[in-house]
Protein backbone atom coordinates (compact mmCIF):
# COMPACT_ATOMS: atom_id res chain seq x y z
CA UNK A 1 -18.47 54.27 39.07
CA UNK A 2 -18.78 51.62 36.44
CA UNK A 3 -17.56 48.11 37.18
CA UNK A 4 -15.83 45.99 34.59
CA UNK A 5 -16.01 42.25 34.42
CA UNK A 6 -13.79 40.01 32.40
CA UNK A 7 -14.58 36.46 31.52
CA UNK A 8 -11.61 34.20 31.84
CA UNK A 9 -11.68 31.51 29.24
CA UNK A 10 -9.68 28.43 30.07
CA UNK A 11 -8.55 26.90 26.80
CA UNK A 12 -7.12 23.48 27.43
CA UNK A 13 -4.33 22.15 25.25
CA UNK A 14 -5.50 19.33 23.01
CA UNK A 15 -3.90 16.74 20.78
CA UNK A 16 -5.30 16.22 17.29
CA UNK A 17 -4.52 13.35 14.89
CA UNK A 18 -4.74 14.19 11.21
CA UNK A 19 -7.37 12.16 9.37
CA UNK A 20 -9.35 11.28 12.50
CA UNK A 21 -11.70 9.70 13.31
CA UNK A 22 -11.16 6.94 10.67
CA UNK A 23 -8.15 6.08 8.50
CA UNK A 24 -8.05 3.39 5.80
CA UNK A 25 -4.72 2.12 4.42
CA UNK A 26 -3.59 -0.81 2.30
CA UNK A 27 -1.73 -3.75 3.82
CA UNK A 28 2.01 -3.46 3.23
CA UNK A 29 1.98 0.32 3.19
CA UNK A 30 3.42 2.80 5.67
CA UNK A 31 1.13 3.79 8.53
CA UNK A 32 1.91 7.44 9.32
CA UNK A 33 0.00 9.13 12.12
CA UNK A 34 0.56 12.84 12.73
CA UNK A 35 -0.40 14.17 16.16
CA UNK A 36 -0.34 17.94 16.58
CA UNK A 37 -0.82 20.01 19.72
CA UNK A 38 -3.44 22.76 19.72
CA UNK A 39 -3.60 25.62 22.24
CA UNK A 40 -0.40 24.53 23.97
CA UNK A 41 1.84 27.19 25.49
CA UNK A 42 4.84 24.88 25.77
CA UNK A 43 6.03 21.63 24.25
CA UNK A 44 5.13 18.42 26.07
CA UNK A 45 7.72 16.72 28.26
CA UNK A 46 6.77 13.47 26.49
CA UNK A 47 4.23 12.01 24.06
CA UNK A 48 3.07 8.42 24.46
CA UNK A 49 1.42 6.47 21.65
CA UNK A 50 -1.02 3.65 22.39
CA UNK A 51 -2.53 0.90 20.22
CA UNK A 52 -5.71 -0.57 21.73
CA UNK A 53 -4.80 1.01 25.11
CA UNK A 54 -1.36 -0.64 25.16
CA UNK A 55 1.70 1.57 25.02
CA UNK A 56 3.59 1.19 21.75
CA UNK A 57 7.20 0.07 22.05
CA UNK A 58 9.45 1.43 19.34
CA UNK A 59 10.50 -1.93 17.96
CA UNK A 60 11.84 -2.73 14.54
CA UNK A 61 9.71 -1.04 11.90
CA UNK A 62 8.24 1.50 14.34
CA UNK A 63 9.65 4.99 14.84
CA UNK A 64 8.53 8.35 16.18
CA UNK A 65 9.67 11.78 15.09
CA UNK A 66 8.93 14.59 17.54
CA UNK A 67 9.04 18.35 17.22
CA UNK A 68 7.92 21.22 19.43
CA UNK A 69 4.27 20.88 18.42
CA UNK A 70 3.89 17.42 16.88
CA UNK A 71 4.66 13.73 17.16
CA UNK A 72 4.66 11.50 14.07
CA UNK A 73 4.35 7.73 14.40
CA UNK A 74 5.74 5.68 11.49
CA UNK A 75 4.93 2.00 11.22
CA UNK A 76 6.47 0.13 8.28
CA UNK A 77 4.63 -2.61 6.39
CA UNK A 78 1.19 -2.39 8.04
CA UNK A 79 -0.92 -5.55 8.27
CA UNK A 80 -4.22 -6.63 9.86
CA UNK A 81 -2.58 -6.81 13.31
CA UNK A 82 -2.26 -3.02 13.13
CA UNK A 83 -6.04 -2.49 12.88
CA UNK A 84 -7.65 -0.66 15.75
CA UNK A 85 -7.59 2.42 17.90
CA UNK A 86 -4.43 4.55 18.17
CA UNK A 87 -4.09 7.28 20.79
CA UNK A 88 -1.58 10.11 21.00
CA UNK A 89 -1.18 11.21 24.62
CA UNK A 90 1.01 14.28 25.25
CA UNK A 91 2.01 15.04 28.84
CA UNK A 92 0.36 18.46 28.77
CA UNK A 93 -2.73 17.99 26.58
CA UNK A 94 -5.98 16.10 26.21
CA UNK A 95 -5.24 12.91 24.19
CA UNK A 96 -6.57 12.24 20.69
CA UNK A 97 -7.51 8.97 18.99
CA UNK A 98 -7.98 7.54 15.50
CA UNK A 99 -9.38 4.22 14.31
CA UNK A 100 -7.11 2.58 11.71
CA UNK A 101 -8.35 0.00 9.20
CA UNK A 102 -5.72 -1.99 7.29
CA UNK A 103 -7.28 -3.38 4.13
CA UNK A 104 -5.89 -6.58 2.60
CA UNK A 105 -7.24 -6.56 -0.91
CA UNK A 106 -9.47 -4.95 -3.48
CA UNK A 107 -12.42 -6.78 -1.91
CA UNK A 108 -11.87 -4.81 1.33
CA UNK A 109 -11.76 -1.56 -0.65
CA UNK A 110 -15.00 -2.41 -2.47
CA UNK A 111 -16.80 -3.21 0.79
CA UNK A 112 -16.12 0.24 2.28
CA UNK A 113 -17.11 2.09 -0.90
CA UNK A 114 -20.51 0.37 -1.24
C-alpha cells in the first residue's frame, strides 16, 4: 500500500503598497497611497494607516476610500511635514510600509537624480 503525503502551505495574507519602498512627490501635490491585500480570503474588518508609527486621523485634507481588497489614502497639498514612513495595517494581513519624500523644489529633484 502506497502512502500519500500532502504538504500544507500556509499562505499568509499580506498588504502591499503600490510604489514601495520609496515614493517621491512634489510639495503641494496630492499624496495617494494605494494599499492592496494579497492572498486574503475575506475583506479586513478595518484598515489602519500610520505615519511614523502614529495612527492617522482623517482630518481636513485627509480621506480614505476602502473597497473589498484595497484601502486608498488621499492627502491633499502635501508638504515636508508629510515626509516619512507610512504603514497600511489591515486587521487580517501582514502590514506594508512605504517611505514618502516630499520635494520642495527643483533643487530637491536634482539631488535625487544625481
